[in-house]
Amino acid sequence: MTQIRTLLHRGALAGALVLGAACREEPVAETPPRQLSASTFQYPEELWDAGVSGETLLRIHIGPEGGVDTVRVEKSSGHAAFDTAAARGARELRFAPATRGGEPVAVWRLLPVQFDPQAAPPRPGSER
C-alpha cells in the first residue's frame, strides 16, 4: 500500500512539474488592430439641425481580414439616430488586423463615436 501511495505521489508530482513547465512558456507577441480607413460617420440631419450632440459606445468585432463583421451598441447615446449612424459607419471601417504570434486573429474592441455639431464639418446647404 505504501508503494502505491509513493507511486501516486510521484505521478502527481510529475504532472505538476509538466503543468508548471507549460505555464512558463514565453508569452506570445500580440499586436492590436490598427485603423486604416478614415472614419465616415454621417451626422443625422435632424440632430445636426437641432444642434444636438452625443456619444455612442460600440463594441465591434474585427475579423482576421481586418473588416468589421459585427457591431453592437454597448452604451446608447440616447438618440436612436446617433446609434444607427454610428453602427452604420463602423461597418465601413477597415483595419490592419490584430495579430497573435504573427498570425492575424479576430478581436472585439470598444469604439466610442462622438457627434458634436461644433466639431463636425458643415453639412452642404447648412447654415452652420
Protein backbone atom coordinates (compact mmCIF):
# COMPACT_ATOMS: atom_id res chain seq x y z
CA MET A 1 0.00 0.00 0.00
CA THR A 2 2.87 2.34 0.79
CA GLN A 3 4.36 1.67 -2.67
CA ILE A 4 1.05 2.61 -4.32
CA ARG A 5 0.89 5.88 -2.38
CA THR A 6 4.50 6.66 -3.30
CA LEU A 7 3.82 5.95 -6.98
CA LEU A 8 0.66 8.08 -6.90
CA HIS A 9 2.55 10.88 -5.17
CA ARG A 10 5.37 10.70 -7.74
CA GLY A 11 2.83 10.68 -10.58
CA ALA A 12 1.08 13.74 -9.16
CA LEU A 13 4.42 15.46 -8.68
CA ALA A 14 5.47 14.70 -12.26
CA GLY A 15 2.13 16.01 -13.55
CA ALA A 16 2.54 19.19 -11.54
CA LEU A 17 6.04 19.68 -12.94
CA VAL A 18 4.78 19.27 -16.51
CA LEU A 19 1.98 21.77 -15.87
CA GLY A 20 4.41 24.18 -14.26
CA ALA A 21 6.74 23.96 -17.25
CA ALA A 22 3.84 24.63 -19.62
CA CYS A 23 2.92 27.74 -17.66
CA ARG A 24 6.44 29.10 -18.04
CA GLU A 25 6.26 29.30 -21.83
CA GLU A 26 7.31 32.57 -23.36
CA PRO A 27 4.39 34.99 -23.85
CA VAL A 28 3.03 35.13 -27.39
CA ALA A 29 3.53 38.51 -29.06
CA GLU A 30 0.23 40.29 -29.71
CA THR A 31 -0.49 43.47 -31.64
CA PRO A 32 -3.80 45.36 -31.57
CA PRO A 33 -5.72 46.19 -34.74
CA ARG A 34 -4.84 49.48 -36.45
CA GLN A 35 -7.45 51.56 -38.26
CA LEU A 36 -6.63 52.01 -41.95
CA SER A 37 -9.69 53.76 -43.33
CA ALA A 38 -10.99 57.18 -42.47
CA SER A 39 -13.95 57.42 -40.11
CA THR A 40 -17.03 58.30 -42.15
CA PHE A 41 -19.81 58.68 -39.62
CA GLN A 42 -22.79 60.59 -41.05
CA TYR A 43 -24.28 63.10 -38.63
CA PRO A 44 -28.08 62.60 -38.58
CA GLU A 45 -29.53 65.70 -40.27
CA GLU A 46 -32.37 66.26 -37.79
CA LEU A 47 -29.96 66.18 -34.84
CA TRP A 48 -27.47 68.40 -36.67
CA ASP A 49 -30.16 70.98 -37.37
CA ALA A 50 -31.24 70.89 -33.72
CA GLY A 51 -27.62 71.29 -32.50
CA VAL A 52 -27.77 68.03 -30.54
CA SER A 53 -24.54 66.26 -29.56
CA GLY A 54 -23.97 62.81 -28.11
CA GLU A 55 -21.74 59.76 -27.91
CA THR A 56 -22.49 56.15 -28.79
CA LEU A 57 -20.19 53.44 -27.44
CA LEU A 58 -19.94 50.48 -29.80
CA ARG A 59 -18.45 47.02 -29.38
CA ILE A 60 -17.05 45.96 -32.74
CA HIS A 61 -15.73 42.60 -33.89
CA ILE A 62 -12.76 42.94 -36.23
CA GLY A 63 -12.17 39.79 -38.26
CA PRO A 64 -8.77 38.36 -39.19
CA GLU A 65 -9.07 40.05 -42.60
CA GLY A 66 -9.47 43.48 -40.96
CA GLY A 67 -13.15 44.07 -41.67
CA VAL A 68 -15.80 44.84 -39.06
CA ASP A 69 -18.27 41.97 -39.18
CA THR A 70 -20.33 42.59 -36.04
CA VAL A 71 -21.38 45.83 -34.35
CA ARG A 72 -23.23 46.12 -31.04
CA VAL A 73 -24.32 49.23 -29.19
CA GLU A 74 -22.63 48.91 -25.81
CA LYS A 75 -23.98 52.24 -24.50
CA SER A 76 -26.60 54.26 -26.32
CA SER A 77 -26.30 57.99 -26.85
CA GLY A 78 -29.97 58.27 -26.01
CA HIS A 79 -30.77 59.05 -29.65
CA ALA A 80 -31.60 56.14 -31.96
CA ALA A 81 -30.41 58.19 -34.96
CA PHE A 82 -26.91 58.58 -33.44
CA ASP A 83 -26.73 54.88 -32.56
CA THR A 84 -27.80 53.85 -36.07
CA ALA A 85 -25.37 56.26 -37.75
CA ALA A 86 -22.52 55.06 -35.52
CA ALA A 87 -23.22 51.39 -36.26
CA ARG A 88 -23.53 52.05 -40.00
CA GLY A 89 -20.24 53.97 -40.08
CA ALA A 90 -18.40 51.35 -38.01
CA ARG A 91 -19.28 48.63 -40.53
CA GLU A 92 -17.42 50.62 -43.19
CA LEU A 93 -14.15 50.82 -41.22
CA ARG A 94 -11.13 48.78 -42.28
CA PHE A 95 -8.24 47.71 -40.05
CA ALA A 96 -4.87 46.06 -40.20
CA PRO A 97 -5.92 43.02 -38.17
CA ALA A 98 -4.73 42.20 -34.69
CA THR A 99 -2.08 39.50 -34.58
CA ARG A 100 -1.08 36.83 -32.10
CA GLY A 101 2.23 35.11 -32.67
CA GLY A 102 2.45 36.82 -36.07
CA GLU A 103 -0.88 35.40 -37.27
CA PRO A 104 -3.99 37.56 -37.88
CA VAL A 105 -6.73 37.00 -35.31
CA ALA A 106 -10.26 38.26 -34.71
CA VAL A 107 -10.79 40.59 -31.73
CA TRP A 108 -13.54 42.59 -30.03
CA ARG A 109 -12.85 46.28 -29.37
CA LEU A 110 -14.77 49.22 -27.89
CA LEU A 111 -15.25 52.18 -30.22
CA PRO A 112 -16.61 55.48 -28.90
CA VAL A 113 -18.30 57.57 -31.62
CA GLN A 114 -18.82 61.23 -30.77
CA PHE A 115 -21.29 63.50 -32.51
CA ASP A 116 -20.65 67.20 -31.92
CA PRO A 117 -22.10 69.77 -34.31
CA GLN A 118 -19.41 72.28 -33.32
CA ALA A 119 -16.57 69.89 -34.24
CA ALA A 120 -18.16 68.34 -37.34
CA PRO A 121 -17.59 69.84 -40.80
CA PRO A 122 -20.62 71.80 -42.07
CA ARG A 123 -23.25 69.84 -43.97
CA PRO A 124 -23.86 71.01 -47.54
CA GLY A 125 -26.71 73.54 -47.56
CA SER A 126 -26.45 74.01 -43.79
CA GLU A 127 -26.38 77.39 -42.08
CA ARG A 128 -23.73 76.26 -39.55
